[in-house]
Amino acid sequence: MAPAAVAPSTMKEILHASKEFLALTSGQRKWVDIFIDTSDANRATGEAYGATDDAYVAMFTRKIETSPRVIAALDLYFARSPRERFLRDLQNDIAHSTGVARIEARRLYAKMVFGVDGPPTEEIPFCKIGDIVLVDGVKHKVTAVDANGKPTDGEPL
């Protein structure tokens, strides 16, 4: 059964009484209210902080949008589920990680969102001469392929 709908004004009253909203600075509170009303982060920054320079507004908007306290208040207002919050944080982790950490985070994201599980396939569907492939943990440059595009020879790098 779906939860009963709550009027937007009631949701704002609930938000304003919450510990998440009360933890914000006065500027952040004003920004959150304007953002909820307009769905325009740059406009909220300009109105809440009196900013007019476009570059400054863009920079400061990014800073406000990534504030854990602002995120918590918006999560409460928009009733984001733990799954939605986790996936948002995971996407952020993917964007800011590299190497194996990024691969593992993407694998987790694929599993949660698309139901894809397990290590990448060992099967190489198609290669061409010059491609780089991994063979037993060692990178090789493909020097020959068969008619199906499977590598038949390569040079270790």
C-alpha atoms as a PDB file:
ATOM      1  CA  MET A   1       0.000   0.000   0.000  1.00  0.00           C
ATOM      2  CA  ALA A   2       1.397   3.401  -0.990  1.00  0.00           C
ATOM      3  CA  PRO A   3       1.836   6.049   1.706  1.00  0.00           C
ATOM      4  CA  ALA A   4      -0.729   8.822   1.815  1.00  0.00           C
ATOM      5  CA  ALA A   5       0.220  11.926  -0.157  1.00  0.00           C
ATOM      6  CA  VAL A   6       1.338  14.896   1.925  1.00  0.00           C
ATOM      7  CA  ALA A   7       0.670  18.468   0.817  1.00  0.00           C
ATOM      8  CA  PRO A   8       3.820  20.411  -0.138  1.00  0.00           C
ATOM      9  CA  SER A   9       3.162  23.045   2.546  1.00  0.00           C
ATOM     10  CA  THR A  10       2.922  20.310   5.187  1.00  0.00           C
ATOM     11  CA  MET A  11       6.173  18.776   3.902  1.00  0.00           C
ATOM     12  CA  LYS A  12       7.879  22.149   4.285  1.00  0.00           C
ATOM     13  CA  GLU A  13       6.561  22.439   7.854  1.00  0.00           C
ATOM     14  CA  ILE A  14       7.905  18.977   8.621  1.00  0.00           C
ATOM     15  CA  LEU A  15      11.237  19.923   7.035  1.00  0.00           C
ATOM     16  CA  HIS A  16      11.479  23.206   8.965  1.00  0.00           C
ATOM     17  CA  ALA A  17      10.995  21.363  12.272  1.00  0.00           C
ATOM     18  CA  SER A  18      13.544  18.653  11.443  1.00  0.00           C
ATOM     19  CA  LYS A  19      17.009  18.333  12.945  1.00  0.00           C
ATOM     20  CA  GLU A  20      18.422  18.191   9.397  1.00  0.00           C
ATOM     21  CA  PHE A  21      17.003  21.620   8.514  1.00  0.00           C
ATOM     22  CA  LEU A  22      17.877  23.146  11.876  1.00  0.00           C
ATOM     23  CA  ALA A  23      21.510  22.041  11.400  1.00  0.00           C
ATOM     24  CA  LEU A  24      21.804  24.327   8.336  1.00  0.00           C
ATOM     25  CA  THR A  25      23.170  27.871   8.397  1.00  0.00           C
ATOM     26  CA  SER A  26      20.613  30.629   7.775  1.00  0.00           C
ATOM     27  CA  GLY A  27      21.912  30.996   4.192  1.00  0.00           C
ATOM     28  CA  GLN A  28      21.617  27.264   3.578  1.00  0.00           C
ATOM     29  CA  ARG A  29      18.057  27.279   4.972  1.00  0.00           C
ATOM     30  CA  LYS A  30      17.100  30.074   2.602  1.00  0.00           C
ATOM     31  CA  TRP A  31      18.834  28.263  -0.279  1.00  0.00           C
ATOM     32  CA  VAL A  32      16.957  24.998   0.457  1.00  0.00           C
ATOM     33  CA  ASP A  33      13.580  26.803   0.594  1.00  0.00           C
ATOM     34  CA  ILE A  34      14.209  28.610  -2.690  1.00  0.00           C
ATOM     35  CA  PHE A  35      15.523  25.442  -4.339  1.00  0.00           C
ATOM     36  CA  ILE A  36      12.425  23.484  -3.273  1.00  0.00           C
ATOM     37  CA  ASP A  37      10.167  26.225  -4.685  1.00  0.00           C
ATOM     38  CA  THR A  38      12.045  26.731  -7.983  1.00  0.00           C
ATOM     39  CA  SER A  39      14.103  23.539  -8.637  1.00  0.00           C
ATOM     40  CA  ASP A  40      16.820  25.928  -9.848  1.00  0.00           C
ATOM     41  CA  ALA A  41      20.042  25.633  -7.849  1.00  0.00           C
ATOM     42  CA  ASN A  42      21.730  28.639  -9.484  1.00  0.00           C
ATOM     43  CA  ARG A  43      18.704  30.858  -8.871  1.00  0.00           C
ATOM     44  CA  ALA A  44      18.571  29.673  -5.254  1.00  0.00           C
ATOM     45  CA  THR A  45      22.235  30.615  -4.814  1.00  0.00           C
ATOM     46  CA  GLY A  46      21.763  34.032  -6.350  1.00  0.00           C
ATOM     47  CA  GLU A  47      18.699  34.843  -4.247  1.00  0.00           C
ATOM     48  CA  ALA A  48      19.875  33.305  -0.966  1.00  0.00           C
ATOM     49  CA  TYR A  49      23.363  34.799  -1.043  1.00  0.00           C
ATOM     50  CA  GLY A  50      22.911  37.880  -3.250  1.00  0.00           C
ATOM     51  CA  ALA A  51      25.427  36.533  -5.777  1.00  0.00           C
ATOM     52  CA  THR A  52      25.361  37.975  -9.292  1.00  0.00           C
ATOM     53  CA  ASP A  53      28.610  36.885 -10.964  1.00  0.00           C
ATOM     54  CA  ASP A  54      27.846  33.760 -13.043  1.00  0.00           C
ATOM     55  CA  ALA A  55      31.187  32.071 -12.342  1.00  0.00           C
ATOM     56  CA  TYR A  56      30.846  32.679  -8.609  1.00  0.00           C
ATOM     57  CA  VAL A  57      27.234  31.461  -8.621  1.00  0.00           C
ATOM     58  CA  ALA A  58      28.257  28.238 -10.410  1.00  0.00           C
ATOM     59  CA  MET A  59      31.153  27.599  -8.019  1.00  0.00           C
ATOM     60  CA  PHE A  60      29.154  28.386  -4.889  1.00  0.00           C
ATOM     61  CA  THR A  61      26.138  26.379  -6.106  1.00  0.00           C
ATOM     62  CA  ARG A  62      28.347  23.296  -6.467  1.00  0.00           C
ATOM     63  CA  LYS A  63      29.679  23.833  -2.952  1.00  0.00           C
ATOM     64  CA  ILE A  64      26.162  24.125  -1.503  1.00  0.00           C
ATOM     65  CA  GLU A  65      24.796  21.165  -3.483  1.00  0.00           C
ATOM     66  CA  THR A  66      27.550  18.904  -2.160  1.00  0.00           C
ATOM     67  CA  SER A  67      27.208  19.968   1.476  1.00  0.00           C
ATOM     68  CA  PRO A  68      26.294  16.873   3.517  1.00  0.00           C
ATOM     69  CA  ARG A  69      23.879  18.943   5.635  1.00  0.00           C
ATOM     70  CA  VAL A  70      22.087  20.358   2.590  1.00  0.00           C
ATOM     71  CA  ILE A  71      21.924  16.893   1.027  1.00  0.00           C
ATOM     72  CA  ALA A  72      20.439  15.467   4.247  1.00  0.00           C
ATOM     73  CA  ALA A  73      17.751  18.177   4.352  1.00  0.00           C
ATOM     74  CA  LEU A  74      16.820  17.618   0.696  1.00  0.00           C
ATOM     75  CA  ASP A  75      16.813  13.841   1.189  1.00  0.00           C
ATOM     76  CA  LEU A  76      14.287  14.326   3.988  1.00  0.00           C
ATOM     77  CA  TYR A  77      12.075  16.713   2.001  1.00  0.00           C
ATOM     78  CA  PHE A  78      12.061  14.545  -1.135  1.00  0.00           C
ATOM     79  CA  ALA A  79      11.679  11.347   0.971  1.00  0.00           C
ATOM     80  CA  ARG A  80      14.609   9.639  -0.739  1.00  0.00           C
ATOM     81  CA  SER A  81      14.895   6.006   0.217  1.00  0.00           C
ATOM     82  CA  PRO A  82      18.098   4.527   1.628  1.00  0.00           C
ATOM     83  CA  ARG A  83      18.568   2.775  -1.737  1.00  0.00           C
ATOM     84  CA  GLU A  84      18.270   6.072  -3.652  1.00  0.00           C
ATOM     85  CA  ARG A  85      20.735   7.758  -1.308  1.00  0.00           C
ATOM     86  CA  PHE A  86      23.177   4.861  -1.555  1.00  0.00           C
ATOM     87  CA  LEU A  87      23.036   4.802  -5.366  1.00  0.00           C
ATOM     88  CA  ARG A  88      23.609   8.576  -5.501  1.00  0.00           C
ATOM     89  CA  ASP A  89      26.631   8.231  -3.217  1.00  0.00           C
ATOM     90  CA  LEU A  90      27.887   5.259  -5.236  1.00  0.00           C
ATOM     91  CA  GLN A  91      27.632   7.263  -8.484  1.00  0.00           C
ATOM     92  CA  ASN A  92      29.634  10.033  -6.814  1.00  0.00           C
ATOM     93  CA  ASP A  93      32.251   7.491  -5.675  1.00  0.00           C
ATOM     94  CA  ILE A  94      32.497   6.115  -9.216  1.00  0.00           C
ATOM     95  CA  ALA A  95      33.005   9.607 -10.617  1.00  0.00           C
ATOM     96  CA  HIS A  96      35.823  10.351  -8.167  1.00  0.00           C
ATOM     97  CA  SER A  97      37.658   7.014  -8.018  1.00  0.00           C
ATOM     98  CA  THR A  98      40.214   5.370 -10.291  1.00  0.00           C
ATOM     99  CA  GLY A  99      41.637   1.958 -11.020  1.00  0.00           C
ATOM    100  CA  VAL A 100      40.357  -1.119  -9.213  1.00  0.00           C
ATOM    101  CA  ALA A 101      38.199   0.929  -6.826  1.00  0.00           C
ATOM    102  CA  ARG A 102      36.311   2.387  -9.775  1.00  0.00           C
ATOM    103  CA  ILE A 103      35.867  -1.029 -11.386  1.00  0.00           C
ATOM    104  CA  GLU A 104      34.524  -2.523  -8.155  1.00  0.00           C
ATOM    105  CA  ALA A 105      32.180   0.431  -7.593  1.00  0.00           C
ATOM    106  CA  ARG A 106      30.848   0.130 -11.146  1.00  0.00           C
ATOM    107  CA  ARG A 107      30.378  -3.602 -10.660  1.00  0.00           C
ATOM    108  CA  LEU A 108      28.356  -2.933  -7.506  1.00  0.00           C
ATOM    109  CA  TYR A 109      26.284  -0.289  -9.319  1.00  0.00           C
ATOM    110  CA  ALA A 110      25.559  -2.701 -12.198  1.00  0.00           C
ATOM    111  CA  LYS A 111      24.503  -5.376  -9.729  1.00  0.00           C
ATOM    112  CA  MET A 112      22.169  -3.045  -7.822  1.00  0.00           C
ATOM    113  CA  VAL A 113      20.612  -1.232 -10.775  1.00  0.00           C
ATOM    114  CA  PHE A 114      20.637  -3.815 -13.551  1.00  0.00           C
ATOM    115  CA  GLY A 115      20.934  -7.119 -11.697  1.00  0.00           C
ATOM    116  CA  VAL A 116      24.239  -7.905 -13.432  1.00  0.00           C
ATOM    117  CA  ASP A 117      26.554  -9.857 -11.146  1.00  0.00           C
ATOM    118  CA  GLY A 118      29.945 -11.493 -11.248  1.00  0.00           C
ATOM    119  CA  PRO A 119      33.331 -10.728 -12.728  1.00  0.00           C
ATOM    120  CA  PRO A 120      33.676  -9.422 -16.262  1.00  0.00           C
ATOM    121  CA  THR A 121      33.311 -12.163 -18.829  1.00  0.00           C
ATOM    122  CA  GLU A 122      36.418 -14.059 -19.867  1.00  0.00           C
ATOM    123  CA  GLU A 123      35.004 -14.188 -23.399  1.00  0.00           C
ATOM    124  CA  ILE A 124      36.456 -11.629 -25.801  1.00  0.00           C
ATOM    125  CA  PRO A 125      33.697 -11.062 -28.373  1.00  0.00           C
ATOM    126  CA  PHE A 126      35.725  -9.267 -31.048  1.00  0.00           C
ATOM    127  CA  CYS A 127      39.267  -7.926 -31.418  1.00  0.00           C
ATOM    128  CA  LYS A 128      41.254  -6.291 -34.142  1.00  0.00           C
ATOM    129  CA  ILE A 129      44.988  -6.086 -34.690  1.00  0.00           C
ATOM    130  CA  GLY A 130      46.509  -3.470 -32.401  1.00  0.00           C
ATOM    131  CA  ASP A 131      43.965  -3.905 -29.575  1.00  0.00           C
ATOM    132  CA  ILE A 132      45.303  -4.378 -26.062  1.00  0.00           C
ATOM    133  CA  VAL A 133      44.046  -7.469 -24.215  1.00  0.00           C
ATOM    134  CA  LEU A 134      44.748  -8.945 -20.809  1.00  0.00           C
ATOM    135  CA  VAL A 135      46.044 -12.532 -20.774  1.00  0.00           C
ATOM    136  CA  ASP A 136      46.657 -14.081 -17.350  1.00  0.00           C
ATOM    137  CA  GLY A 137      47.091 -10.618 -15.860  1.00  0.00           C
ATOM    138  CA  VAL A 138      49.579  -9.467 -18.522  1.00  0.00           C
ATOM    139  CA  LYS A 139      48.731  -6.884 -21.193  1.00  0.00           C
ATOM    140  CA  HIS A 140      49.323  -7.983 -24.795  1.00  0.00           C
ATOM    141  CA  LYS A 141      49.049  -6.151 -28.100  1.00  0.00           C
ATOM    142  CA  VAL A 142      47.030  -8.252 -30.566  1.00  0.00           C
ATOM    143  CA  THR A 143      49.091  -9.092 -33.681  1.00  0.00           C
ATOM    144  CA  ALA A 144      46.756 -11.657 -35.319  1.00  0.00           C
ATOM    145  CA  VAL A 145      43.043 -12.560 -35.184  1.00  0.00           C
ATOM    146  CA  ASP A 146      40.966 -15.400 -36.617  1.00  0.00           C
ATOM    147  CA  ALA A 147      37.907 -14.999 -38.878  1.00  0.00           C
ATOM    148  CA  ASN A 148      35.665 -14.515 -35.789  1.00  0.00           C
ATOM    149  CA  GLY A 149      37.791 -11.716 -34.395  1.00  0.00           C
ATOM    150  CA  LYS A 150      39.351 -13.796 -31.620  1.00  0.00           C
ATOM    151  CA  PRO A 151      42.991 -12.954 -30.956  1.00  0.00           C
ATOM    152  CA  THR A 152      45.344 -15.730 -32.026  1.00  0.00           C
ATOM    153  CA  ASP A 153      48.690 -14.045 -31.359  1.00  0.00           C
ATOM    154  CA  GLY A 154      50.051 -11.068 -29.484  1.00  0.00           C
ATOM    155  CA  GLU A 155      53.096  -9.398 -28.050  1.00  0.00           C
ATOM    156  CA  PRO A 156      53.435  -8.852 -24.284  1.00  0.00           C
ATOM    157  CA  LEU A 157      53.679  -5.187 -23.317  1.00  0.00           C
END
